[in-house]
Amino acid sequence: MATDRLKSIVSHITPSKGGLAQITQKHPDDVVITLAIRTPLCKGKKGGLKDTPLDGIMLKMLEQVIAKSNLDPALVEDICVGHV
């Protein structure tokens, strides 16, 4: 059991065969971030946007993405949104 764990740890710190060339190789399906936009900052549940529904904020943000990115929206396959 201890030898299996040791082998696992060694495999994490041993350099891979491809090295830097392998991880920097370009592929047609690579993810590319073309633009970053954020919503206004306000106090949570107290600020100026406390009564604004999330879909309204998202709509305005996505309109800005379309306007500023010069991307055809039909080319977008997936959108990932998060909050902190």
PDB file of N, CA and C in Angstrom:
ATOM      1  N   MET A   1       0.818  -1.187   0.000  1.00  0.00           N
ATOM      2  CA  MET A   1       0.000   0.000   0.000  1.00  0.00           C
ATOM      3  C   MET A   1       0.873   1.266   0.000  1.00  0.00           C
ATOM      4  N   ALA A   2       1.897   1.267   0.832  1.00  0.00           N
ATOM      5  CA  ALA A   2       2.785   2.429   0.887  1.00  0.00           C
ATOM      6  C   ALA A   2       3.553   2.594  -0.419  1.00  0.00           C
ATOM      7  N   THR A   3       3.926   1.475  -1.040  1.00  0.00           N
ATOM      8  CA  THR A   3       4.658   1.574  -2.304  1.00  0.00           C
ATOM      9  C   THR A   3       3.766   2.105  -3.415  1.00  0.00           C
ATOM     10  N   ASP A   4       2.479   1.757  -3.391  1.00  0.00           N
ATOM     11  CA  ASP A   4       1.548   2.293  -4.389  1.00  0.00           C
ATOM     12  C   ASP A   4       1.407   3.801  -4.235  1.00  0.00           C
ATOM     13  N   ARG A   5       1.312   4.257  -3.001  1.00  0.00           N
ATOM     14  CA  ARG A   5       1.192   5.693  -2.739  1.00  0.00           C
ATOM     15  C   ARG A   5       2.464   6.409  -3.175  1.00  0.00           C
ATOM     16  N   LEU A   6       3.605   5.821  -2.896  1.00  0.00           N
ATOM     17  CA  LEU A   6       4.876   6.419  -3.294  1.00  0.00           C
ATOM     18  C   LEU A   6       4.989   6.512  -4.813  1.00  0.00           C
ATOM     19  N   LYS A   7       4.575   5.464  -5.513  1.00  0.00           N
ATOM     20  CA  LYS A   7       4.585   5.487  -6.981  1.00  0.00           C
ATOM     21  C   LYS A   7       3.676   6.589  -7.509  1.00  0.00           C
ATOM     22  N   SER A   8       2.527   6.761  -6.864  1.00  0.00           N
ATOM     23  CA  SER A   8       1.595   7.809  -7.280  1.00  0.00           C
ATOM     24  C   SER A   8       2.217   9.191  -7.112  1.00  0.00           C
ATOM     25  N   ILE A   9       2.869   9.416  -5.983  1.00  0.00           N
ATOM     26  CA  ILE A   9       3.499  10.718  -5.728  1.00  0.00           C
ATOM     27  C   ILE A   9       4.642  10.963  -6.710  1.00  0.00           C
ATOM     28  N   VAL A  10       5.454   9.946  -6.952  1.00  0.00           N
ATOM     29  CA  VAL A  10       6.575  10.084  -7.888  1.00  0.00           C
ATOM     30  C   VAL A  10       6.069  10.410  -9.287  1.00  0.00           C
ATOM     31  N   SER A  11       4.946   9.817  -9.686  1.00  0.00           N
ATOM     32  CA  SER A  11       4.409  10.098 -11.020  1.00  0.00           C
ATOM     33  C   SER A  11       3.964  11.551 -11.159  1.00  0.00           C
ATOM     34  N   HIS A  12       3.586  12.183 -10.045  1.00  0.00           N
ATOM     35  CA  HIS A  12       3.169  13.586 -10.084  1.00  0.00           C
ATOM     36  C   HIS A  12       4.346  14.538 -10.230  1.00  0.00           C
ATOM     37  N   ILE A  13       5.501  14.144  -9.728  1.00  0.00           N
ATOM     38  CA  ILE A  13       6.648  15.062  -9.767  1.00  0.00           C
ATOM     39  C   ILE A  13       7.656  14.726 -10.856  1.00  0.00           C
ATOM     40  N   THR A  14       7.461  13.620 -11.547  1.00  0.00           N
ATOM     41  CA  THR A  14       8.348  13.243 -12.644  1.00  0.00           C
ATOM     42  C   THR A  14       7.948  14.017 -13.897  1.00  0.00           C
ATOM     43  N   PRO A  15       8.881  14.650 -14.589  1.00  0.00           N
ATOM     44  CA  PRO A  15       8.535  15.393 -15.807  1.00  0.00           C
ATOM     45  C   PRO A  15       7.903  14.474 -16.855  1.00  0.00           C
ATOM     46  N   SER A  16       6.933  15.018 -17.573  1.00  0.00           N
ATOM     47  CA  SER A  16       6.300  14.234 -18.637  1.00  0.00           C
ATOM     48  C   SER A  16       7.226  14.159 -19.842  1.00  0.00           C
ATOM     49  N   LYS A  17       6.942  13.224 -20.736  1.00  0.00           N
ATOM     50  CA  LYS A  17       7.802  13.002 -21.903  1.00  0.00           C
ATOM     51  C   LYS A  17       7.715  14.147 -22.900  1.00  0.00           C
ATOM     52  N   GLY A  18       6.536  14.771 -23.025  1.00  0.00           N
ATOM     53  CA  GLY A  18       6.355  15.817 -24.011  1.00  0.00           C
ATOM     54  C   GLY A  18       6.912  17.155 -23.585  1.00  0.00           C
ATOM     55  N   GLY A  19       6.921  17.409 -22.295  1.00  0.00           N
ATOM     56  CA  GLY A  19       7.435  18.658 -21.774  1.00  0.00           C
ATOM     57  C   GLY A  19       6.653  19.870 -22.251  1.00  0.00           C
ATOM     58  N   LEU A  20       7.347  20.980 -22.320  1.00  0.00           N
ATOM     59  CA  LEU A  20       6.741  22.252 -22.691  1.00  0.00           C
ATOM     60  C   LEU A  20       6.168  22.224 -24.100  1.00  0.00           C
ATOM     61  N   ALA A  21       6.835  21.559 -25.008  1.00  0.00           N
ATOM     62  CA  ALA A  21       6.362  21.501 -26.398  1.00  0.00           C
ATOM     63  C   ALA A  21       4.981  20.854 -26.488  1.00  0.00           C
ATOM     64  N   GLN A  22       4.735  19.852 -25.661  1.00  0.00           N
ATOM     65  CA  GLN A  22       3.451  19.162 -25.713  1.00  0.00           C
ATOM     66  C   GLN A  22       2.321  20.034 -25.169  1.00  0.00           C
ATOM     67  N   ILE A  23       2.557  20.744 -24.073  1.00  0.00           N
ATOM     68  CA  ILE A  23       1.468  21.519 -23.491  1.00  0.00           C
ATOM     69  C   ILE A  23       1.234  22.851 -24.197  1.00  0.00           C
ATOM     70  N   THR A  24       2.193  23.324 -24.994  1.00  0.00           N
ATOM     71  CA  THR A  24       2.001  24.576 -25.728  1.00  0.00           C
ATOM     72  C   THR A  24       1.593  24.353 -27.178  1.00  0.00           C
ATOM     73  N   GLN A  25       1.374  23.118 -27.557  1.00  0.00           N
ATOM     74  CA  GLN A  25       0.960  22.804 -28.926  1.00  0.00           C
ATOM     75  C   GLN A  25      -0.465  23.314 -29.160  1.00  0.00           C
ATOM     76  N   LYS A  26      -0.693  23.927 -30.297  1.00  0.00           N
ATOM     77  CA  LYS A  26      -2.003  24.495 -30.620  1.00  0.00           C
ATOM     78  C   LYS A  26      -2.899  23.443 -31.262  1.00  0.00           C
ATOM     79  N   HIS A  27      -4.198  23.519 -30.911  1.00  0.00           N
ATOM     80  CA  HIS A  27      -5.204  22.615 -31.459  1.00  0.00           C
ATOM     81  C   HIS A  27      -6.405  23.448 -31.904  1.00  0.00           C
ATOM     82  N   PRO A  28      -7.132  23.015 -32.931  1.00  0.00           N
ATOM     83  CA  PRO A  28      -8.269  23.797 -33.408  1.00  0.00           C
ATOM     84  C   PRO A  28      -9.405  23.924 -32.393  1.00  0.00           C
ATOM     85  N   ASP A  29      -9.477  23.045 -31.403  1.00  0.00           N
ATOM     86  CA  ASP A  29     -10.557  23.121 -30.425  1.00  0.00           C
ATOM     87  C   ASP A  29     -10.116  23.759 -29.103  1.00  0.00           C
ATOM     88  N   ASP A  30      -8.985  24.470 -29.102  1.00  0.00           N
ATOM     89  CA  ASP A  30      -8.530  25.156 -27.898  1.00  0.00           C
ATOM     90  C   ASP A  30      -9.525  26.243 -27.507  1.00  0.00           C
ATOM     91  N   VAL A  31      -9.677  26.451 -26.215  1.00  0.00           N
ATOM     92  CA  VAL A  31     -10.543  27.505 -25.704  1.00  0.00           C
ATOM     93  C   VAL A  31      -9.773  28.817 -25.759  1.00  0.00           C
ATOM     94  N   VAL A  32     -10.438  29.851 -26.247  1.00  0.00           N
ATOM     95  CA  VAL A  32      -9.810  31.162 -26.357  1.00  0.00           C
ATOM     96  C   VAL A  32     -10.719  32.187 -25.697  1.00  0.00           C
ATOM     97  N   ILE A  33     -10.193  32.920 -24.730  1.00  0.00           N
ATOM     98  CA  ILE A  33     -10.956  34.001 -24.104  1.00  0.00           C
ATOM     99  C   ILE A  33     -10.677  35.252 -24.917  1.00  0.00           C
ATOM    100  N   THR A  34     -11.720  35.793 -25.520  1.00  0.00           N
ATOM    101  CA  THR A  34     -11.544  36.945 -26.395  1.00  0.00           C
ATOM    102  C   THR A  34     -11.875  38.258 -25.710  1.00  0.00           C
ATOM    103  N   LEU A  35     -12.596  38.185 -24.598  1.00  0.00           N
ATOM    104  CA  LEU A  35     -13.066  39.404 -23.954  1.00  0.00           C
ATOM    105  C   LEU A  35     -13.494  39.082 -22.533  1.00  0.00           C
ATOM    106  N   ALA A  36     -13.233  39.965 -21.616  1.00  0.00           N
ATOM    107  CA  ALA A  36     -13.713  39.803 -20.240  1.00  0.00           C
ATOM    108  C   ALA A  36     -14.473  41.057 -19.852  1.00  0.00           C
ATOM    109  N   ILE A  37     -15.683  40.881 -19.391  1.00  0.00           N
ATOM    110  CA  ILE A  37     -16.531  42.001 -18.962  1.00  0.00           C
ATOM    111  C   ILE A  37     -17.073  41.651 -17.586  1.00  0.00           C
ATOM    112  N   ARG A  38     -17.157  42.630 -16.732  1.00  0.00           N
ATOM    113  CA  ARG A  38     -17.737  42.370 -15.415  1.00  0.00           C
ATOM    114  C   ARG A  38     -18.915  43.301 -15.175  1.00  0.00           C
ATOM    115  N   THR A  39     -19.768  42.890 -14.272  1.00  0.00           N
ATOM    116  CA  THR A  39     -20.914  43.708 -13.893  1.00  0.00           C
ATOM    117  C   THR A  39     -20.456  44.752 -12.881  1.00  0.00           C
ATOM    118  N   PRO A  40     -21.261  45.787 -12.648  1.00  0.00           N
ATOM    119  CA  PRO A  40     -20.885  46.810 -11.670  1.00  0.00           C
ATOM    120  C   PRO A  40     -20.762  46.229 -10.260  1.00  0.00           C
ATOM    121  N   LEU A  41     -19.939  46.861  -9.452  1.00  0.00           N
ATOM    122  CA  LEU A  41     -19.783  46.444  -8.061  1.00  0.00           C
ATOM    123  C   LEU A  41     -20.790  47.172  -7.184  1.00  0.00           C
ATOM    124  N   CYS A  42     -21.464  46.438  -6.342  1.00  0.00           N
ATOM    125  CA  CYS A  42     -22.407  46.998  -5.372  1.00  0.00           C
ATOM    126  C   CYS A  42     -22.371  46.142  -4.118  1.00  0.00           C
ATOM    127  N   LYS A  43     -22.921  46.663  -3.047  1.00  0.00           N
ATOM    128  CA  LYS A  43     -23.026  45.872  -1.826  1.00  0.00           C
ATOM    129  C   LYS A  43     -24.067  44.776  -2.026  1.00  0.00           C
ATOM    130  N   GLY A  44     -23.763  43.589  -1.558  1.00  0.00           N
ATOM    131  CA  GLY A  44     -24.680  42.467  -1.686  1.00  0.00           C
ATOM    132  C   GLY A  44     -25.979  42.689  -0.933  1.00  0.00           C
ATOM    133  N   LYS A  45     -27.102  42.583  -1.620  1.00  0.00           N
ATOM    134  CA  LYS A  45     -28.461  42.689  -1.077  1.00  0.00           C
ATOM    135  C   LYS A  45     -28.765  44.050  -0.461  1.00  0.00           C
ATOM    136  N   LYS A  46     -27.883  45.045  -0.671  1.00  0.00           N
ATOM    137  CA  LYS A  46     -28.112  46.380  -0.130  1.00  0.00           C
ATOM    138  C   LYS A  46     -27.855  47.471  -1.165  1.00  0.00           C
ATOM    139  N   GLY A  47     -27.068  47.153  -2.195  1.00  0.00           N
ATOM    140  CA  GLY A  47     -26.595  48.168  -3.125  1.00  0.00           C
ATOM    141  C   GLY A  47     -27.617  48.597  -4.155  1.00  0.00           C
ATOM    142  N   GLY A  48     -27.135  49.357  -5.107  1.00  0.00           N
ATOM    143  CA  GLY A  48     -27.983  49.938  -6.130  1.00  0.00           C
ATOM    144  C   GLY A  48     -28.636  48.932  -7.065  1.00  0.00           C
ATOM    145  N   LEU A  49     -28.118  47.721  -7.131  1.00  0.00           N
ATOM    146  CA  LEU A  49     -28.687  46.707  -8.025  1.00  0.00           C
ATOM    147  C   LEU A  49     -29.489  45.648  -7.273  1.00  0.00           C
ATOM    148  N   LYS A  50     -29.831  45.904  -6.009  1.00  0.00           N
ATOM    149  CA  LYS A  50     -30.497  44.878  -5.203  1.00  0.00           C
ATOM    150  C   LYS A  50     -31.858  44.475  -5.748  1.00  0.00           C
ATOM    151  N   ASP A  51     -32.527  45.365  -6.457  1.00  0.00           N
ATOM    152  CA  ASP A  51     -33.845  45.044  -7.004  1.00  0.00           C
ATOM    153  C   ASP A  51     -33.793  44.683  -8.487  1.00  0.00           C
ATOM    154  N   THR A  52     -32.603  44.600  -9.045  1.00  0.00           N
ATOM    155  CA  THR A  52     -32.441  44.269 -10.461  1.00  0.00           C
ATOM    156  C   THR A  52     -32.346  42.758 -10.615  1.00  0.00           C
ATOM    157  N   PRO A  53     -33.234  42.163 -11.425  1.00  0.00           N
ATOM    158  CA  PRO A  53     -33.167  40.708 -11.605  1.00  0.00           C
ATOM    159  C   PRO A  53     -31.897  40.294 -12.359  1.00  0.00           C
ATOM    160  N   LEU A  54     -31.428  39.096 -12.062  1.00  0.00           N
ATOM    161  CA  LEU A  54     -30.196  38.594 -12.667  1.00  0.00           C
ATOM    162  C   LEU A  54     -30.281  38.543 -14.184  1.00  0.00           C
ATOM    163  N   ASP A  55     -31.438  38.152 -14.724  1.00  0.00           N
ATOM    164  CA  ASP A  55     -31.540  38.057 -16.185  1.00  0.00           C
ATOM    165  C   ASP A  55     -31.380  39.418 -16.848  1.00  0.00           C
ATOM    166  N   GLY A  56     -31.785  40.488 -16.188  1.00  0.00           N
ATOM    167  CA  GLY A  56     -31.585  41.831 -16.733  1.00  0.00           C
ATOM    168  C   GLY A  56     -30.117  42.216 -16.781  1.00  0.00           C
ATOM    169  N   ILE A  57     -29.391  41.873 -15.726  1.00  0.00           N
ATOM    170  CA  ILE A  57     -27.954  42.149 -15.681  1.00  0.00           C
ATOM    171  C   ILE A  57     -27.227  41.323 -16.738  1.00  0.00           C
ATOM    172  N   MET A  58     -27.590  40.044 -16.846  1.00  0.00           N
ATOM    173  CA  MET A  58     -26.951  39.163 -17.832  1.00  0.00           C
ATOM    174  C   MET A  58     -27.236  39.629 -19.255  1.00  0.00           C
ATOM    175  N   LEU A  59     -28.454  40.070 -19.509  1.00  0.00           N
ATOM    176  CA  LEU A  59     -28.803  40.548 -20.848  1.00  0.00           C
ATOM    177  C   LEU A  59     -27.914  41.719 -21.246  1.00  0.00           C
ATOM    178  N   LYS A  60     -27.774  42.694 -20.361  1.00  0.00           N
ATOM    179  CA  LYS A  60     -26.933  43.862 -20.662  1.00  0.00           C
ATOM    180  C   LYS A  60     -25.468  43.461 -20.848  1.00  0.00           C
ATOM    181  N   MET A  61     -25.004  42.537 -20.023  1.00  0.00           N
ATOM    182  CA  MET A  61     -23.619  42.098 -20.136  1.00  0.00           C
ATOM    183  C   MET A  61     -23.386  41.383 -21.468  1.00  0.00           C
ATOM    184  N   LEU A  62     -24.291  40.483 -21.855  1.00  0.00           N
ATOM    185  CA  LEU A  62     -24.122  39.757 -23.114  1.00  0.00           C
ATOM    186  C   LEU A  62     -24.264  40.679 -24.325  1.00  0.00           C
ATOM    187  N   GLU A  63     -25.102  41.699 -24.223  1.00  0.00           N
ATOM    188  CA  GLU A  63     -25.186  42.692 -25.301  1.00  0.00           C
ATOM    189  C   GLU A  63     -23.841  43.399 -25.474  1.00  0.00           C
ATOM    190  N   GLN A  64     -23.180  43.723 -24.366  1.00  0.00           N
ATOM    191  CA  GLN A  64     -21.863  44.359 -24.431  1.00  0.00           C
ATOM    192  C   GLN A  64     -20.816  43.417 -25.022  1.00  0.00           C
ATOM    193  N   VAL A  65     -20.908  42.140 -24.684  1.00  0.00           N
ATOM    194  CA  VAL A  65     -19.978  41.153 -25.241  1.00  0.00           C
ATOM    195  C   VAL A  65     -20.110  41.112 -26.756  1.00  0.00           C
ATOM    196  N   ILE A  66     -21.341  41.055 -27.247  1.00  0.00           N
ATOM    197  CA  ILE A  66     -21.573  41.012 -28.694  1.00  0.00           C
ATOM    198  C   ILE A  66     -21.055  42.289 -29.352  1.00  0.00           C
ATOM    199  N   ALA A  67     -21.334  43.439 -28.740  1.00  0.00           N
ATOM    200  CA  ALA A  67     -20.926  44.717 -29.323  1.00  0.00           C
ATOM    201  C   ALA A  67     -19.405  44.896 -29.336  1.00  0.00           C
ATOM    202  N   LYS A  68     -18.732  44.487 -28.274  1.00  0.00           N
ATOM    203  CA  LYS A  68     -17.296  44.748 -28.154  1.00  0.00           C
ATOM    204  C   LYS A  68     -16.402  43.669 -28.757  1.00  0.00           C
ATOM    205  N   SER A  69     -16.906  42.457 -28.906  1.00  0.00           N
ATOM    206  CA  SER A  69     -16.034  41.365 -29.352  1.00  0.00           C
ATOM    207  C   SER A  69     -15.965  41.217 -30.865  1.00  0.00           C
ATOM    208  N   ASN A  70     -16.927  41.754 -31.574  1.00  0.00           N
ATOM    209  CA  ASN A  70     -17.011  41.588 -33.029  1.00  0.00           C
ATOM    210  C   ASN A  70     -17.057  40.115 -33.438  1.00  0.00           C
ATOM    211  N   LEU A  71     -17.634  39.285 -32.595  1.00  0.00           N
ATOM    212  CA  LEU A  71     -17.818  37.870 -32.902  1.00  0.00           C
ATOM    213  C   LEU A  71     -19.238  37.620 -33.373  1.00  0.00           C
ATOM    214  N   ASP A  72     -19.389  36.696 -34.286  1.00  0.00           N
ATOM    215  CA  ASP A  72     -20.713  36.259 -34.704  1.00  0.00           C
ATOM    216  C   ASP A  72     -21.281  35.388 -33.586  1.00  0.00           C
ATOM    217  N   PRO A  73     -22.392  35.778 -32.950  1.00  0.00           N
ATOM    218  CA  PRO A  73     -22.955  34.983 -31.855  1.00  0.00           C
ATOM    219  C   PRO A  73     -23.270  33.543 -32.252  1.00  0.00           C
ATOM    220  N   ALA A  74     -23.484  33.282 -33.531  1.00  0.00           N
ATOM    221  CA  ALA A  74     -23.773  31.916 -33.978  1.00  0.00           C
ATOM    222  C   ALA A  74     -22.559  31.000 -33.818  1.00  0.00           C
ATOM    223  N   LEU A  75     -21.359  31.571 -33.714  1.00  0.00           N
ATOM    224  CA  LEU A  75     -20.151  30.766 -33.550  1.00  0.00           C
ATOM    225  C   LEU A  75     -19.914  30.334 -32.103  1.00  0.00           C
ATOM    226  N   VAL A  76     -20.621  30.951 -31.168  1.00  0.00           N
ATOM    227  CA  VAL A  76     -20.430  30.642 -29.751  1.00  0.00           C
ATOM    228  C   VAL A  76     -21.147  29.343 -29.419  1.00  0.00           C
ATOM    229  N   GLU A  77     -20.386  28.377 -28.907  1.00  0.00           N
ATOM    230  CA  GLU A  77     -20.958  27.079 -28.565  1.00  0.00           C
ATOM    231  C   GLU A  77     -21.334  26.974 -27.098  1.00  0.00           C
ATOM    232  N   ASP A  78     -20.640  27.703 -26.229  1.00  0.00           N
ATOM    233  CA  ASP A  78     -20.872  27.548 -24.802  1.00  0.00           C
ATOM    234  C   ASP A  78     -20.487  28.833 -24.090  1.00  0.00           C
ATOM    235  N   ILE A  79     -21.225  29.163 -23.041  1.00  0.00           N
ATOM    236  CA  ILE A  79     -20.922  30.326 -22.216  1.00  0.00           C
ATOM    237  C   ILE A  79     -20.869  29.851 -20.774  1.00  0.00           C
ATOM    238  N   CYS A  80     -19.835  30.250 -20.072  1.00  0.00           N
ATOM    239  CA  CYS A  80     -19.682  29.878 -18.664  1.00  0.00           C
ATOM    240  C   CYS A  80     -19.696  31.158 -17.839  1.00  0.00           C
ATOM    241  N   VAL A  81     -20.599  31.231 -16.872  1.00  0.00           N
ATOM    242  CA  VAL A  81     -20.745  32.416 -16.043  1.00  0.00           C
ATOM    243  C   VAL A  81     -20.640  31.986 -14.584  1.00  0.00           C
ATOM    244  N   GLY A  82     -19.967  32.776 -13.789  1.00  0.00           N
ATOM    245  CA  GLY A  82     -19.864  32.456 -12.372  1.00  0.00           C
ATOM    246  C   GLY A  82     -19.896  33.720 -11.541  1.00  0.00           C
ATOM    247  N   HIS A  83     -20.043  33.529 -10.244  1.00  0.00           N
ATOM    248  CA  HIS A  83     -20.001  34.681  -9.351  1.00  0.00           C
ATOM    249  C   HIS A  83     -19.275  34.295  -8.073  1.00  0.00           C
ATOM    250  N   VAL A  84     -18.782  35.314  -7.394  1.00  0.00           N
ATOM    251  CA  VAL A  84     -18.030  35.088  -6.162  1.00  0.00           C
ATOM    252  C   VAL A  84     -18.809  35.667  -5.013  1.00  0.00           C
TER     253      VAL A  84
END
